[in-house]
Protein backbone atom coordinates (compact mmCIF):
# COMPACT_ATOMS: atom_id res chain seq x y z
CA MET A 1 194.65 84.76 161.48
CA ASP A 2 191.47 83.60 163.23
CA LYS A 3 189.47 84.37 160.03
CA ILE A 4 191.69 82.07 158.08
CA LYS A 5 191.54 79.25 160.69
CA ASP A 6 187.72 79.48 160.81
CA TRP A 7 187.78 79.38 157.00
CA ILE A 8 190.03 76.18 157.02
CA LEU A 9 187.75 74.46 159.35
CA LYS A 10 184.55 75.37 157.69
CA HIS A 11 186.15 74.15 154.34
CA LYS A 12 188.16 71.25 155.72
CA LEU A 13 186.11 68.57 153.51
CA PHE A 14 186.48 70.44 150.57
CA LEU A 15 190.47 70.92 151.15
CA ILE A 16 190.92 67.35 151.80
CA THR A 17 189.28 66.19 148.89
CA LEU A 18 190.98 68.67 146.58
CA THR A 19 194.33 67.52 148.13
CA ILE A 20 193.43 63.73 147.55
CA LEU A 21 192.45 64.79 143.75
CA VAL A 22 195.91 66.60 143.29
CA LEU A 23 197.74 63.69 144.66
CA ILE A 24 195.94 61.21 142.64
CA LYS A 25 196.61 63.41 139.61
CA VAL A 26 200.55 63.62 140.45
CA VAL A 27 200.65 59.80 140.74
CA TRP A 28 198.70 59.15 137.46
CA VAL A 29 201.04 61.58 135.56
CA ALA A 30 203.83 59.63 137.02
CA TRP A 31 202.50 56.44 136.09
CA GLY A 32 201.61 58.09 132.83
CA CYS A 33 205.10 59.15 131.94
CA TRP A 34 207.05 56.19 133.44
CA SER A 35 207.72 54.49 130.11
CA ILE A 36 208.95 57.62 128.32
CA GLY A 37 212.48 57.11 127.06
CA LYS A 38 212.39 53.46 128.05
CA HIS A 39 212.61 51.48 124.92
CA GLU A 40 210.23 48.38 125.87
CA LYS A 41 208.13 50.16 127.77
CA GLU A 42 207.47 53.11 125.28
CA LYS A 43 207.19 50.38 122.71
CA ASN A 44 204.08 48.74 124.58
CA ASP A 45 202.88 52.34 124.97
CA ILE A 46 202.98 53.24 121.40
CA LEU A 47 201.51 49.99 120.16
CA GLN A 48 198.70 50.12 122.48
CA ARG A 49 197.77 53.74 121.30
CA LYS A 50 198.14 52.44 117.82
CA ASN A 51 195.74 49.57 118.65
CA TRP A 52 192.82 52.00 120.18
CA LEU A 53 193.11 54.14 116.99
CA VAL A 54 192.78 51.39 114.65
CA ASP A 55 189.35 50.71 116.15
CA LYS A 56 188.22 54.38 115.66
CA ILE A 57 189.76 55.28 112.46
CA VAL A 58 189.72 52.41 110.24
CA VAL A 59 186.18 52.31 109.85
CA GLU A 60 183.48 53.49 107.28
CA PRO A 61 184.13 56.73 105.89
CA ARG A 62 180.76 58.16 107.31
CA GLN A 63 181.40 56.68 110.59
CA LEU A 64 184.77 58.52 110.74
CA LEU A 65 183.17 61.65 109.90
CA LYS A 66 180.69 61.32 112.56
CA GLU A 67 183.76 60.79 115.04
CA MET A 68 184.94 64.50 114.32
CA PRO A 69 183.21 67.12 116.72
CA GLY A 70 179.90 68.10 115.00
CA GLY A 71 180.28 71.59 115.92
CA LEU A 72 183.10 72.13 113.82
CA GLY A 73 180.79 72.09 110.52
CA LEU A 74 181.33 69.99 107.26
CA GLN A 75 184.60 71.60 106.19
CA PHE A 76 186.65 71.19 109.48
CA GLN A 77 184.90 67.59 109.99
CA GLY A 78 186.47 66.65 106.66
CA GLU A 79 189.73 68.40 107.26
CA TRP A 80 190.13 66.63 110.52
CA ALA A 81 189.18 63.25 109.18
CA LEU A 82 191.81 63.81 106.50
CA TYR A 83 194.44 64.84 108.86
CA SER A 84 193.38 61.78 111.10
CA CYS A 85 194.03 59.43 108.23
CA SER A 86 197.16 61.00 106.91
CA MET A 87 198.81 61.50 110.61
CA PHE A 88 197.85 57.84 111.34
CA SER A 89 199.45 56.68 107.99
CA LYS A 90 202.62 58.36 108.96
CA ALA A 91 202.49 56.90 112.49
CA PHE A 92 202.21 53.42 111.16
CA SER A 93 205.04 54.25 108.54
CA ASN A 94 207.26 55.11 111.54
CA ILE A 95 206.45 52.27 113.56
CA SER A 96 207.29 49.85 110.95
CA ILE A 97 210.82 51.29 111.06
CA LEU A 98 211.01 51.54 114.77
CA TYR A 99 209.39 47.86 114.94
CA PRO A 100 210.24 45.76 111.81
CA GLU A 101 207.90 43.12 112.95
CA THR A 102 204.74 45.52 112.39
CA LYS A 103 205.73 46.07 108.72
CA GLN A 104 202.93 43.99 107.28
CA GLU A 105 200.38 45.36 109.51
CA SER A 106 201.46 48.96 108.77
CA ILE A 107 201.20 48.31 104.79
CA ASN A 108 197.69 46.70 105.26
CA THR A 109 196.36 49.61 107.55
CA ILE A 110 197.73 52.34 105.33
CA ASP A 111 195.95 50.67 102.25
CA SER A 112 192.84 50.76 104.11
CA LEU A 113 193.23 54.49 105.26
CA ILE A 114 194.17 55.25 101.50
CA GLN A 115 190.76 53.83 100.58
CA ILE A 116 188.98 55.89 103.18
CA VAL A 117 190.66 59.10 102.05
CA LYS A 118 189.71 58.32 98.35
CA SER A 119 186.06 57.96 99.18
CA PRO A 120 183.30 60.49 98.04
CA GLU A 121 182.60 61.08 101.54
CA LEU A 122 186.07 62.44 102.45
CA ARG A 123 186.53 64.19 99.11
CA LEU A 124 183.34 66.16 99.96
CA TYR A 125 184.62 68.91 102.03
CA ASP A 126 187.12 70.04 99.33
CA LYS A 127 184.58 69.66 96.74
CA MET A 128 182.30 72.01 98.34
CA ARG A 129 184.83 74.73 98.75
CA TRP A 130 186.22 74.35 95.01
CA GLY A 131 183.10 73.52 93.26
CA GLU A 132 184.53 70.28 91.53
CA ASP A 133 186.05 66.96 92.73
CA PRO A 134 189.53 67.14 93.57
CA LEU A 135 190.24 63.58 91.88
CA ASP A 136 187.79 64.01 88.83
CA SER A 137 189.58 67.43 87.95
CA ILE A 138 193.10 66.12 88.14
CA ALA A 139 193.61 67.54 84.77
CA GLY A 140 192.37 70.97 85.62
CA ASP A 141 194.06 74.30 87.20
CA LYS A 142 192.40 74.83 90.48
CA SER A 143 194.43 74.07 93.61
CA HIS A 144 192.98 71.33 95.68
CA ILE A 145 196.64 71.35 97.23
CA SER A 146 195.75 70.07 100.70
CA TYR A 147 193.66 67.16 99.68
CA LEU A 148 195.74 66.07 96.92
CA SER A 149 199.25 66.24 99.03
CA HIS A 150 197.73 64.74 102.02
CA LEU A 151 196.64 61.67 99.81
CA ALA A 152 199.87 61.60 97.95
CA TRP A 153 202.00 61.77 101.25
CA MET A 154 200.03 58.58 102.27
CA ILE A 155 200.62 56.71 99.17
CA GLY A 156 204.26 57.53 99.49
CA ASN A 157 204.58 56.15 103.00
CA TYR A 158 202.86 53.14 101.87
CA ARG A 159 205.16 52.46 98.93
CA LYS A 160 208.25 53.49 101.19
CA ILE A 161 207.45 50.65 103.23
CA GLY A 162 207.10 48.12 100.87
CA GLY A 163 203.27 48.37 99.81
CA GLY A 164 202.60 47.05 96.27
CA ASP A 165 202.06 48.97 93.17
CA ASN A 166 198.40 49.32 93.16
CA TYR A 167 198.65 52.86 93.59
CA ASN A 168 201.39 54.12 91.41
CA ALA A 169 199.43 55.21 88.69
CA LEU A 170 197.25 57.34 91.10
CA HIS A 171 200.55 58.37 92.97
CA ASP A 172 202.00 59.58 89.45
CA SER A 173 198.97 61.69 88.42
CA LEU A 174 198.69 63.45 91.82
CA CYS A 175 202.14 64.26 91.94
CA LYS A 176 202.34 65.33 88.49
CA ALA A 177 199.23 67.81 88.91
CA MET A 178 200.90 69.38 92.08
CA ASN A 179 204.27 69.65 90.45
CA ARG A 180 202.49 71.31 87.53
CA ARG A 181 200.34 73.65 89.39
CA ILE A 182 203.23 74.84 91.86
CA LEU A 183 205.31 75.53 88.71
CA GLU A 184 202.48 77.52 87.11
CA SER A 185 202.16 79.72 89.95
CA GLU A 186 204.39 82.91 90.28
CA CYS A 187 205.32 82.52 93.88
CA MET A 188 205.14 78.67 93.75
CA ASN A 189 202.64 78.50 96.35
CA LEU A 190 198.89 77.45 96.16
CA PRO A 191 195.90 78.29 98.31
CA THR A 192 193.95 75.57 100.43
CA TYR A 193 190.86 77.27 99.47
CA PRO A 194 189.71 79.78 97.20
CA GLY A 195 190.08 83.49 98.02
CA GLU A 196 191.90 82.70 101.10
CA ASP A 197 195.62 83.24 102.05
CA ILE A 198 198.24 80.59 101.52
CA TYR A 199 198.74 78.57 104.41
CA ILE A 200 202.51 77.47 104.36
CA PRO A 201 202.02 74.21 106.41
CA ASP A 202 199.51 73.19 103.72
CA MET A 203 201.90 73.76 101.02
CA LEU A 204 204.77 72.06 102.81
CA VAL A 205 202.65 68.70 102.83
CA ALA A 206 202.85 68.90 99.00
CA ILE A 207 206.62 69.52 99.27
CA VAL A 208 207.07 66.64 101.68
CA ALA A 209 205.02 64.54 99.33
CA LEU A 210 206.93 65.37 96.19
CA THR A 211 210.20 64.70 98.18
CA ASP A 212 208.93 61.14 98.97
CA TYR A 213 207.97 60.77 95.25
CA ALA A 214 211.43 61.88 94.16
CA GLN A 215 212.96 59.36 96.28
CA LEU A 216 211.02 56.63 94.90
CA ASN A 217 211.15 57.77 91.14
CA ASN A 218 215.13 58.57 90.69
CA GLY A 219 214.77 62.46 91.71
CA LYS A 220 211.76 63.30 89.54
CA TYR A 221 210.42 66.53 90.89
CA GLN A 222 213.31 66.87 93.18
CA ASN A 223 214.24 70.21 91.36
CA THR A 224 210.76 71.60 92.18
CA VAL A 225 211.49 70.83 96.07
CA ASN A 226 214.90 72.36 95.86
CA ARG A 227 213.51 75.65 94.14
CA TRP A 228 210.87 75.93 96.64
CA ILE A 229 213.27 75.48 99.67
CA GLN A 230 215.55 77.99 98.17
CA ARG A 231 212.94 80.44 97.84
CA ALA A 232 211.39 79.84 101.35
CA LYS A 233 214.85 80.38 102.68
CA SER A 234 215.47 83.81 100.78
CA GLU A 235 211.91 84.99 100.67
CA TRP A 236 209.53 83.52 103.42
CA ILE A 237 211.28 84.15 106.28
CA ASP A 238 209.97 86.38 109.22
CA SER A 239 212.74 88.96 109.93
CA GLU A 240 211.89 89.12 113.66
CA THR A 241 211.68 85.34 114.62
CA GLY A 242 214.07 84.01 111.76
CA LEU A 243 210.97 81.37 111.16
CA LEU A 244 209.33 80.28 108.14
CA ARG A 245 206.22 82.34 107.70
CA SER A 246 202.92 81.17 108.71
CA PHE A 247 200.63 82.79 105.84
CA LEU A 248 201.35 84.57 102.56
CA PRO A 249 199.08 86.54 100.61
CA LEU A 250 197.56 85.01 97.46
CA ASP A 251 199.73 86.90 95.17
CA GLY A 252 202.68 86.01 97.26
CA ASN A 253 203.81 89.51 98.12
CA THR A 254 206.04 89.14 101.23
CA SER A 255 205.87 92.93 102.04
CA VAL A 256 202.48 92.12 103.55
CA LEU A 257 202.88 91.54 107.18
CA SER A 258 201.00 88.55 108.74
CA PRO A 259 201.22 86.84 112.23
CA ILE A 260 203.75 84.06 112.88
CA LYS A 261 201.62 81.48 115.00
CA GLY A 262 203.12 78.71 117.29
CA SER A 263 201.12 75.94 115.92
CA TYR A 264 201.99 76.62 112.29
CA SER A 265 205.72 77.35 113.13
CA THR A 266 205.93 74.07 114.87
CA LEU A 267 204.22 72.15 111.95
CA ASN A 268 206.33 73.95 109.56
CA THR A 269 209.56 72.56 111.45
CA TYR A 270 208.09 69.04 111.61
CA TYR A 271 207.55 68.71 108.13
CA LEU A 272 210.90 70.18 107.13
CA THR A 273 212.27 67.40 109.16
CA GLN A 274 211.03 65.25 106.17
CA ILE A 275 212.67 67.40 103.53
CA ASP A 276 215.60 69.31 104.86
CA SER A 277 217.35 68.29 107.84
CA GLU A 278 219.81 71.25 107.98
CA PHE A 279 217.21 73.73 107.56
CA ALA A 280 214.76 72.11 109.99
CA LYS A 281 217.67 72.18 112.47
CA GLU A 282 218.00 75.92 111.96
CA GLN A 283 214.27 76.33 112.44
CA TYR A 284 213.99 74.24 115.57
CA SER A 285 216.65 76.69 117.19
CA HIS A 286 214.43 79.73 116.11
CA LEU A 287 211.42 77.88 117.31
CA LYS A 288 212.62 77.11 120.62
CA GLU A 289 213.79 80.74 121.13
CA ALA A 290 210.37 82.36 119.79
CA PHE A 291 207.77 80.05 121.31
CA LEU A 292 209.20 77.72 123.95
CA LYS A 293 207.71 78.00 127.39
CA ASP A 294 209.77 76.17 129.72
CA SER A 295 208.36 76.03 133.26
CA TRP A 296 206.23 73.52 135.38
CA LEU A 297 204.00 73.03 132.13
CA THR A 298 206.39 72.81 129.24
CA GLY A 299 205.24 73.69 125.68
CA PHE A 300 205.06 75.86 122.78
CA LYS A 301 203.19 78.95 122.93
CA GLU A 302 200.80 80.14 120.09
CA TYR A 303 201.73 83.73 120.12
CA PRO A 304 205.32 84.76 120.69
CA ASP A 305 204.37 87.20 123.50
CA GLY A 306 202.78 84.58 125.46
CA SER A 307 199.15 86.05 125.07
CA GLY A 308 196.04 84.10 125.01
CA PHE A 309 196.10 83.03 128.62
CA LEU A 310 192.83 81.36 128.24
CA GLY A 311 191.36 81.25 124.75
CA MET A 312 190.18 79.19 121.71
CA ASP A 313 191.78 78.93 118.44
CA MET A 314 190.63 76.86 115.48
CA ASP A 315 194.06 75.83 114.57
CA ALA A 316 195.71 75.64 117.99
CA GLY A 317 192.68 74.22 120.10
CA PRO A 318 191.98 75.47 123.64
CA ILE A 319 194.80 78.02 124.73
CA ILE A 320 195.64 77.61 128.20
CA PHE A 321 198.47 79.38 130.07
CA GLY A 322 199.25 80.74 126.55
CA LEU A 323 200.23 77.27 125.38
CA SER A 324 199.30 75.99 121.98
CA PRO A 325 197.97 72.36 122.36
CA SER A 326 198.48 71.91 118.46
CA GLY A 327 202.00 73.63 118.78
CA THR A 328 203.17 71.47 121.53
CA ALA A 329 202.09 68.25 119.72
CA PHE A 330 204.00 69.35 116.62
CA GLY A 331 206.84 70.15 118.99
CA ILE A 332 207.02 66.56 120.08
CA GLY A 333 207.81 65.49 116.64
CA CYS A 334 210.72 67.98 116.16
CA ALA A 335 212.23 67.07 119.76
CA THR A 336 212.03 63.49 118.84
CA TYR A 337 213.89 63.81 115.53
CA PHE A 338 216.58 66.04 116.91
CA ASN A 339 216.88 63.53 119.94
CA ASP A 340 216.16 66.49 122.29
CA THR A 341 215.40 63.92 124.94
CA ASP A 342 214.87 66.17 127.95
CA LEU A 343 212.55 68.52 126.04
CA ARG A 344 210.73 65.45 124.76
CA LYS A 345 210.27 64.11 128.24
CA HIS A 346 208.73 67.57 129.39
CA LEU A 347 206.34 67.75 126.36
CA LEU A 348 205.13 64.37 126.72
CA LYS A 349 204.52 65.10 130.45
CA THR A 350 202.37 68.11 129.50
CA ALA A 351 200.67 66.04 127.11
CA GLU A 352 199.71 63.48 130.03
CA ILE A 353 198.76 66.48 132.43
CA ALA A 354 196.44 67.73 129.67
CA GLY A 355 195.32 64.46 128.11
CA HIS A 356 195.23 61.97 130.91
CA THR A 357 195.93 58.55 129.93
CA VAL A 358 193.56 55.54 130.45
CA SER A 359 194.16 52.06 129.12
CA TRP A 360 192.10 49.11 129.01
CA ASN A 361 192.36 45.38 127.30
CA GLY A 362 195.57 46.20 125.67
CA LYS A 363 194.54 49.58 124.29
CA ARG A 364 195.41 52.96 125.31
CA ARG A 365 194.60 56.58 124.74
CA TYR A 366 194.31 60.05 126.08
CA LEU A 367 191.13 60.69 127.89
CA LEU A 368 190.46 63.48 125.58
CA ALA A 369 190.87 61.50 122.20
CA ASN A 370 187.18 60.91 121.84
CA ILE A 371 186.68 64.62 121.80
CA ALA A 372 189.78 65.35 119.61
CA LEU A 373 190.73 62.06 117.66
CA VAL A 374 193.10 63.98 115.61
CA GLY A 375 195.28 65.08 118.46
CA GLU A 376 195.85 61.43 119.40
CA THR A 377 196.83 60.64 115.78
CA ILE A 378 199.01 63.63 115.65
CA THR A 379 200.78 62.77 119.05
CA LEU A 380 201.43 59.34 117.80
CA ALA A 381 202.99 60.34 114.63
CA MET A 382 205.23 62.77 116.50
CA ARG A 383 206.54 60.77 119.09
CA THR A 384 207.51 58.04 116.21
CA ASN A 385 209.35 60.71 114.17
CA CYS A 386 212.57 58.93 114.12
CA ILE A 387 215.31 59.80 111.82
CA LYS A 388 214.95 57.79 108.52
């Protein structure tokens, strides 16, 4: 006991400082979470985060690519820039529904984001992997599914909220190419890159884009969407978790086992909210059962067994206490859609603890946004994922 007292006396200043920092963080988190669930307060928070993101994303393509972490390499810088633009487009589409007075701003900004994604600079990462430009080879047979689907999804959102017809021809060609390539594949799935497994979340962007296109064009390609969903339900469900698989081999052989990841499963479920609400609801139930960690730090795990106490994953981000940053962010979108109010509050609290909100001059962001800009755009799209 005397040794403990001596240690406390020697480290009194350190302990006082640590206590003050903890108290400051507690107060900061409480302040950052104060607006959650309060309509007008949350509206201000959402719009201020949108304002900050506009300054960072709606820029010249080269500048946007420089905002992506340099250590990722050209491919992942391109991917993250693409995701930043597509998720920001979705956030604007959501915001225009939640707050109709923002509709014209949303249309104008999504227009600018489409122009960025169409640029040669943003197309380069996909061109490097496939050996051909994704837009110049639209009549060809190579997949390019990730790039094409994100661009088509953005145009779909632009048109759905009242954008003009200036992208209609491009939208037609993108969806025609994706639909043709999906139907020409025996397993109805296409690889993101040559020689790699099929990533189901990347395929789901194409299915979302075709769903939106069908709504705008008298059901055209809806049959392809329906066929894909039926095969997903009957062939691509993991027997242990009941969740849609994260990966498939190139030949679509479902007997080949592959890991189920929290980041992929939450993203799959989010995309399904845009396609099939009932299927999404079933998946959300399985998702919470397999991956939800509800404790002082609530979130979705990256691995069902909770392994990876501390680690790094290219898809999930830095895994801390077994939690998946990406999985937790995408989980916010699922909880928002299904009005799972308590879980949404807890997930946003975790985001605040990890991200630490700062605000200045009518703009707001998480402190970590400068490191992972894509994370800020994803979180904004997820917390505004209202039922259409």
